[in-house]
Amino acid sequence: MVTGMKAAGRMALPTGADVEDAARVLEGWAVRTPLLRNAELDRLTGGTILVKPEVLQRTGSFKFRGAYNRLSRIPKENRPQGVVAWSSGNHAQGVAAAAGLLGLPATIVMPADAPALKIANTRALGAEVVLYDRVRESREEIGGRIAQERGAIIVPPFDDPYIIAGQGTVGLEIGDQALGMGLAVEEALAPCSGGGLANGMALGLHRIFPHAKAHTVEPAGFDDFARSLETGQKQRNASASGSACDALMAPTPGDITFAIAQRELGPGFSVTDEEAFAAMRFAFQHLKLVVEPGGAVALAAVLTGKLETKGRTIAVVLSGGNVDPGLFARVLAAA
């Protein structure tokens, strides 16, 4: 690995073959989450909506897939120095869990305003947590300094071929499971921050349904990926905070993810926090699933008609369920 690398300047882009390789690495470690249908969801949308609940994955989000695939490639002689990652919570927990399984020390740089549950869970998984101010400080600078001091390996949240390939197993499973249901996926939507999940999903899904369209969904006002796809140039968000979708706050697409996206992804969508909250309520009431705001945006895009669903088969990823209990209670109470 990476077996099917292509050159893009000095970058190495993962391919569908690399996603299949990641699936072999993850077998027995990652949960093969189900692909669900719901009568009420189909009725409301007029389509066949296939829900991929990564809230049921290890650590409560898809992030374990990429983290384990990346960490498992570290040579054994380099493992004692450990790894360093930065994350608002889901990548943090994925890296911490993978590091624990593989016997590596892990240090995670997390924003001080991240949900308390995510910080506590990361510590409980055995990682050292270093908090920072996401408005005034750079997580990359902090993480880079720690890695240099300790000789640790940096595990980026999305812009890494192994990370992307690991996340791509979500799309590979969607395609295989849909085939088993006698269905052909026409479009697929995934929550998007830096683009690791959406691009990986597209690579995996296109191994089985090469003509399916894959889309990003982001919080309104933080739709840098959608704007980048529209303009053909990487765009940045104007602010580093201001959305309840804390898991989707990357300031700009990654170099690798954007290079893949220009080939693999269709137009992106965005939803408001209130639309995400409504999707959280729907998931709880009808799917019996707990979903965090950022994890619910793809479902929100379907429920609010951001794309045509009538008579079509659409796959939707619920990317994470690590929601602060207080926030979740307020969201449910607002129904």
Protein backbone atom coordinates (compact mmCIF):
# COMPACT_ATOMS: atom_id res chain seq x y z
CA MET A 1 0.00 0.00 0.00
CA VAL A 2 -0.65 2.39 -1.36
CA THR A 3 -1.07 -0.02 -4.27
CA GLY A 4 -2.76 2.08 -6.90
CA MET A 5 -1.00 5.39 -6.26
CA LYS A 6 -1.18 8.09 -8.88
CA ALA A 7 1.03 11.13 -9.00
CA ALA A 8 -0.48 14.59 -8.58
CA GLY A 9 2.55 16.81 -8.29
CA ARG A 10 4.29 15.25 -5.31
CA MET A 11 1.08 13.86 -3.83
CA ALA A 12 0.06 10.22 -3.81
CA LEU A 13 -3.64 9.70 -4.43
CA PRO A 14 -5.34 6.55 -3.12
CA THR A 15 -7.53 4.53 -5.47
CA GLY A 16 -10.38 2.06 -5.20
CA ALA A 17 -7.84 -0.76 -5.02
CA ASP A 18 -6.39 0.87 -1.91
CA VAL A 19 -9.84 0.96 -0.35
CA GLU A 20 -10.16 -2.78 -0.96
CA ASP A 21 -6.74 -3.27 0.65
CA ALA A 22 -7.89 -1.24 3.65
CA ALA A 23 -10.98 -3.43 3.94
CA ARG A 24 -8.72 -6.46 4.33
CA VAL A 25 -6.70 -4.70 7.04
CA LEU A 26 -9.85 -3.66 8.91
CA GLU A 27 -11.55 -7.05 8.75
CA GLY A 28 -12.21 -8.23 12.28
CA TRP A 29 -11.37 -4.83 13.78
CA ALA A 30 -13.88 -2.37 12.33
CA VAL A 31 -17.62 -2.97 12.58
CA ARG A 32 -19.36 -3.70 9.29
CA THR A 33 -22.23 -1.35 10.03
CA PRO A 34 -25.64 -2.20 8.52
CA LEU A 35 -27.40 -0.47 5.64
CA LEU A 36 -30.89 0.48 6.80
CA ARG A 37 -34.19 1.35 5.17
CA ASN A 38 -37.02 3.14 6.93
CA ALA A 39 -40.61 3.28 5.68
CA GLU A 40 -41.23 6.79 7.01
CA LEU A 41 -38.05 8.12 5.44
CA ASP A 42 -38.95 6.58 2.09
CA ARG A 43 -42.48 7.99 2.37
CA LEU A 44 -41.31 11.51 3.12
CA THR A 45 -38.74 11.58 0.33
CA GLY A 46 -40.55 9.48 -2.27
CA GLY A 47 -37.34 7.56 -2.81
CA THR A 48 -35.39 4.59 -1.51
CA ILE A 49 -33.07 5.97 1.14
CA LEU A 50 -30.29 3.70 2.38
CA VAL A 51 -28.87 4.83 5.72
CA LYS A 52 -25.33 3.85 6.74
CA PRO A 53 -25.17 4.33 10.55
CA GLU A 54 -21.51 4.82 11.38
CA VAL A 55 -22.77 5.86 14.80
CA LEU A 56 -22.57 2.11 15.47
CA GLN A 57 -18.88 1.97 14.56
CA ARG A 58 -16.13 1.59 17.18
CA THR A 59 -15.83 4.88 19.12
CA GLY A 60 -19.14 6.04 17.63
CA SER A 61 -17.94 7.30 14.26
CA PHE A 62 -16.38 6.28 10.94
CA LYS A 63 -13.03 7.72 12.05
CA PHE A 64 -11.81 4.43 13.52
CA ARG A 65 -11.60 3.00 10.00
CA GLY A 66 -9.03 5.46 8.73
CA ALA A 67 -7.13 5.65 12.00
CA TYR A 68 -6.63 1.90 12.28
CA ASN A 69 -5.65 1.60 8.63
CA ARG A 70 -3.05 4.36 9.05
CA LEU A 71 -1.59 3.24 12.38
CA SER A 72 -1.37 -0.40 11.32
CA ARG A 73 1.10 0.65 8.59
CA ILE A 74 3.60 2.14 11.07
CA PRO A 75 6.68 -0.12 11.28
CA LYS A 76 7.00 -1.83 14.65
CA GLU A 77 10.38 -0.22 15.31
CA ASN A 78 8.76 3.24 15.09
CA ARG A 79 5.81 2.53 17.34
CA PRO A 80 7.35 3.26 20.77
CA GLN A 81 7.60 6.98 19.88
CA GLY A 82 3.85 7.02 19.41
CA VAL A 83 1.55 9.20 17.34
CA VAL A 84 0.18 12.74 17.49
CA ALA A 85 -3.18 13.83 16.06
CA TRP A 86 -5.45 16.87 16.20
CA SER A 87 -9.21 16.68 16.26
CA SER A 88 -12.39 18.09 17.76
CA GLY A 89 -13.26 14.61 18.92
CA ASN A 90 -14.11 11.84 16.47
CA HIS A 91 -10.66 11.49 14.87
CA ALA A 92 -9.26 11.85 18.37
CA GLN A 93 -11.23 8.86 19.61
CA GLY A 94 -10.51 6.83 16.49
CA VAL A 95 -6.77 7.37 16.82
CA ALA A 96 -6.84 6.72 20.56
CA ALA A 97 -8.72 3.44 20.08
CA ALA A 98 -6.50 2.27 17.22
CA ALA A 99 -3.36 3.20 19.16
CA GLY A 100 -4.57 1.22 22.14
CA LEU A 101 -5.21 -1.86 20.03
CA LEU A 102 -1.79 -1.61 18.39
CA GLY A 103 0.13 -0.70 21.56
CA LEU A 104 1.16 2.85 20.56
CA PRO A 105 1.20 5.93 22.82
CA ALA A 106 -1.12 8.63 21.47
CA THR A 107 -1.26 12.37 22.09
CA ILE A 108 -4.30 14.28 20.80
CA VAL A 109 -4.54 18.06 20.41
CA MET A 110 -8.21 19.03 20.94
CA PRO A 111 -10.05 22.37 21.02
CA ALA A 112 -11.01 23.44 24.51
CA ASP A 113 -14.59 23.99 23.32
CA ALA A 114 -14.98 20.47 21.95
CA PRO A 115 -17.88 18.52 23.49
CA ALA A 116 -16.88 17.39 26.97
CA LEU A 117 -18.00 13.86 26.13
CA LYS A 118 -15.50 13.61 23.27
CA ILE A 119 -12.64 14.89 25.43
CA ALA A 120 -13.52 12.49 28.23
CA ASN A 121 -13.87 9.52 25.87
CA THR A 122 -10.50 10.26 24.25
CA ARG A 123 -8.82 10.26 27.65
CA ALA A 124 -10.68 7.11 28.66
CA LEU A 125 -9.26 5.34 25.60
CA GLY A 126 -5.76 5.99 26.96
CA ALA A 127 -4.63 9.03 24.98
CA GLU A 128 -2.98 12.14 26.39
CA VAL A 129 -5.14 15.18 25.56
CA VAL A 130 -3.64 18.64 24.98
CA LEU A 131 -6.28 21.41 24.82
CA TYR A 132 -6.00 24.57 22.70
CA ASP A 133 -8.00 27.66 21.69
CA ARG A 134 -9.21 27.03 18.13
CA VAL A 135 -9.64 30.77 17.47
CA ARG A 136 -6.24 32.00 18.73
CA GLU A 137 -3.98 28.95 18.35
CA SER A 138 -2.99 26.56 15.56
CA ARG A 139 -3.54 22.89 16.26
CA GLU A 140 -1.11 22.01 13.49
CA GLU A 141 1.66 24.06 15.09
CA ILE A 142 1.02 22.57 18.52
CA GLY A 143 0.86 19.02 17.18
CA GLY A 144 3.94 19.52 15.03
CA ARG A 145 5.95 20.79 17.99
CA ILE A 146 4.94 17.81 20.14
CA ALA A 147 5.76 15.36 17.34
CA GLN A 148 9.21 16.92 16.85
CA GLU A 149 9.99 16.86 20.57
CA ARG A 150 8.99 13.21 20.95
CA GLY A 151 9.86 11.78 17.56
CA ALA A 152 6.21 10.82 17.15
CA ILE A 153 4.38 10.28 13.86
CA ILE A 154 1.65 12.77 12.91
CA VAL A 155 -1.70 11.22 11.98
CA PRO A 156 -3.66 13.90 10.10
CA PRO A 157 -7.46 13.90 10.32
CA PHE A 158 -8.12 13.55 6.59
CA ASP A 159 -5.31 14.48 4.17
CA ASP A 160 -3.50 11.14 4.16
CA PRO A 161 -3.83 8.28 1.62
CA TYR A 162 -4.21 5.59 4.29
CA ILE A 163 -6.78 7.62 6.21
CA ILE A 164 -8.83 8.22 3.05
CA ALA A 165 -8.61 4.58 2.00
CA GLY A 166 -9.77 3.45 5.43
CA GLN A 167 -12.75 5.79 5.36
CA GLY A 168 -13.48 4.51 1.86
CA THR A 169 -14.50 1.14 3.27
CA VAL A 170 -17.79 2.88 4.17
CA GLY A 171 -18.53 3.29 0.45
CA LEU A 172 -17.34 -0.20 -0.37
CA GLU A 173 -19.75 -1.64 2.20
CA ILE A 174 -22.62 0.54 0.96
CA GLY A 175 -22.15 -0.78 -2.57
CA ASP A 176 -21.87 -4.41 -1.50
CA GLN A 177 -24.82 -4.20 0.88
CA ALA A 178 -27.02 -2.43 -1.68
CA LEU A 179 -26.25 -5.17 -4.21
CA GLY A 180 -27.30 -7.72 -1.62
CA MET A 181 -30.62 -5.88 -1.30
CA GLY A 182 -31.11 -5.92 -5.06
CA LEU A 183 -30.65 -2.15 -5.29
CA ALA A 184 -28.37 0.12 -7.31
CA VAL A 185 -27.14 3.29 -5.60
CA GLU A 186 -27.63 6.35 -7.79
CA GLU A 187 -26.31 9.02 -5.42
CA ALA A 188 -24.59 9.04 -2.04
CA LEU A 189 -24.15 11.83 0.50
CA ALA A 190 -21.62 12.10 3.31
CA PRO A 191 -20.91 14.75 5.93
CA CYS A 192 -17.76 16.67 5.02
CA SER A 193 -15.08 18.52 6.95
CA GLY A 194 -11.74 18.04 5.20
CA GLY A 195 -13.15 15.51 2.76
CA GLY A 196 -11.63 12.21 3.90
CA LEU A 197 -14.96 10.44 4.30
CA ALA A 198 -16.70 11.83 1.21
CA ASN A 199 -13.77 11.13 -1.10
CA GLY A 200 -13.04 7.75 0.39
CA MET A 201 -16.72 6.83 0.16
CA ALA A 202 -16.73 7.80 -3.51
CA LEU A 203 -13.64 5.69 -4.24
CA GLY A 204 -15.15 2.66 -2.52
CA LEU A 205 -18.65 3.08 -3.92
CA HIS A 206 -17.34 3.53 -7.47
CA ARG A 207 -15.74 0.08 -7.31
CA ILE A 208 -19.26 -1.35 -7.38
CA PHE A 209 -21.39 1.45 -8.86
CA PRO A 210 -19.02 3.44 -11.10
CA HIS A 211 -21.73 5.84 -12.26
CA ALA A 212 -23.11 6.73 -8.83
CA LYS A 213 -22.77 10.40 -7.89
CA ALA A 214 -21.20 11.22 -4.53
CA HIS A 215 -21.72 14.51 -2.71
CA THR A 216 -20.42 16.41 0.30
CA VAL A 217 -22.76 17.98 2.87
CA GLU A 218 -21.47 20.76 5.13
CA PRO A 219 -22.81 23.27 7.66
CA ALA A 220 -24.14 26.50 6.17
CA GLY A 221 -21.44 29.16 6.31
CA PHE A 222 -18.73 26.50 6.49
CA ASP A 223 -19.16 25.03 3.00
CA ASP A 224 -15.58 25.50 1.85
CA PHE A 225 -15.57 22.15 0.04
CA ALA A 226 -18.73 22.89 -1.94
CA ARG A 227 -17.38 26.31 -2.91
CA SER A 228 -14.04 24.79 -3.85
CA LEU A 229 -15.73 22.26 -6.13
CA GLU A 230 -17.80 25.01 -7.72
CA THR A 231 -14.87 27.33 -8.41
CA GLY A 232 -12.19 24.73 -9.12
CA GLN A 233 -9.93 26.41 -6.53
CA LYS A 234 -9.53 25.66 -2.83
CA GLN A 235 -11.62 28.05 -0.72
CA ARG A 236 -11.40 28.85 2.99
CA ASN A 237 -14.06 29.39 5.61
CA ALA A 238 -14.25 32.90 7.00
CA SER A 239 -14.52 31.71 10.60
CA ALA A 240 -13.10 28.86 12.70
CA SER A 241 -16.23 28.55 14.87
CA GLY A 242 -19.93 29.30 14.86
CA SER A 243 -21.72 26.03 14.06
CA ALA A 244 -23.09 23.28 16.27
CA CYS A 245 -21.54 20.83 13.78
CA ASP A 246 -18.19 20.83 15.60
CA ALA A 247 -16.98 17.76 13.70
CA LEU A 248 -17.19 19.62 10.37
CA MET A 249 -15.05 22.69 10.98
CA ALA A 250 -11.94 22.16 8.83
CA PRO A 251 -10.97 25.57 7.39
CA THR A 252 -10.23 24.37 3.85
CA PRO A 253 -10.08 21.15 1.80
CA GLY A 254 -6.91 19.09 1.97
CA ASP A 255 -4.56 18.96 -0.99
CA ILE A 256 -5.09 15.23 -1.48
CA THR A 257 -8.83 15.26 -0.81
CA PHE A 258 -9.45 18.16 -3.18
CA ALA A 259 -7.44 16.49 -5.93
CA ILE A 260 -9.59 13.36 -5.59
CA ALA A 261 -12.81 15.38 -5.29
CA GLN A 262 -12.38 17.07 -8.65
CA ARG A 263 -12.58 13.65 -10.24
CA GLU A 264 -14.87 11.70 -7.91
CA LEU A 265 -17.43 14.11 -6.39
CA GLY A 266 -20.47 15.94 -7.67
CA PRO A 267 -21.70 19.32 -6.40
CA GLY A 268 -21.75 19.82 -2.65
CA PHE A 269 -24.67 20.79 -0.40
CA SER A 270 -25.03 22.67 2.88
CA VAL A 271 -27.60 22.68 5.68
CA THR A 272 -28.29 24.95 8.63
CA ASP A 273 -27.80 23.92 12.25
CA GLU A 274 -31.59 23.86 12.67
CA GLU A 275 -31.93 21.49 9.72
CA ALA A 276 -29.26 19.26 11.26
CA PHE A 277 -31.13 19.33 14.59
CA ALA A 278 -34.34 18.29 12.84
CA ALA A 279 -32.48 15.37 11.25
CA MET A 280 -31.16 14.37 14.68
CA ARG A 281 -34.73 14.28 15.97
CA PHE A 282 -35.87 12.24 12.97
CA ALA A 283 -33.04 9.74 13.48
CA PHE A 284 -33.92 9.37 17.15
CA GLN A 285 -37.68 9.09 16.64
CA HIS A 286 -37.79 6.92 13.52
CA LEU A 287 -34.40 5.18 13.18
CA LYS A 288 -33.84 4.82 16.94
CA LEU A 289 -30.31 6.19 16.53
CA VAL A 290 -28.39 8.89 18.40
CA VAL A 291 -26.62 11.19 15.93
CA GLU A 292 -24.47 14.26 16.59
CA PRO A 293 -25.14 17.49 14.63
CA GLY A 294 -22.29 17.03 12.15
CA GLY A 295 -23.18 13.38 11.70
CA ALA A 296 -26.74 14.28 10.72
CA VAL A 297 -26.11 16.77 7.90
CA ALA A 298 -26.37 14.27 5.04
CA LEU A 299 -29.71 13.05 6.36
CA ALA A 300 -30.75 16.69 6.74
CA ALA A 301 -29.94 17.32 3.07
CA VAL A 302 -32.29 14.50 2.06
CA LEU A 303 -35.08 15.55 4.43
CA THR A 304 -34.98 19.15 3.22
CA GLY A 305 -34.95 18.29 -0.47
CA LYS A 306 -31.48 19.58 -1.32
CA LEU A 307 -31.41 16.98 -4.09
CA GLU A 308 -34.06 15.09 -6.03
CA THR A 309 -35.00 11.85 -4.26
CA LYS A 310 -38.37 10.87 -5.76
CA GLY A 311 -38.15 7.45 -7.38
CA ARG A 312 -34.39 7.28 -6.79
CA THR A 313 -32.04 5.22 -4.61
CA ILE A 314 -29.91 7.43 -2.37
CA ALA A 315 -27.33 6.39 0.24
CA VAL A 316 -26.82 8.59 3.30
CA VAL A 317 -24.03 8.29 5.87
CA LEU A 318 -24.71 9.09 9.52
CA SER A 319 -21.06 9.73 10.31
CA GLY A 320 -21.02 10.04 14.11
CA GLY A 321 -23.05 9.80 17.28
CA ASN A 322 -20.81 11.42 19.88
CA VAL A 323 -23.17 14.19 20.92
CA ASP A 324 -22.99 16.06 24.20
CA PRO A 325 -25.90 14.78 26.35
CA GLY A 326 -27.02 18.30 27.29
CA LEU A 327 -27.12 19.43 23.66
CA PHE A 328 -28.95 16.27 22.62
CA ALA A 329 -31.58 16.79 25.31
CA ARG A 330 -32.11 20.39 24.16
CA VAL A 331 -32.42 19.30 20.53
CA LEU A 332 -35.04 16.69 21.39
CA ALA A 333 -36.92 19.08 23.65
CA ALA A 334 -37.16 21.64 20.82
CA ALA A 335 -39.33 19.32 18.73
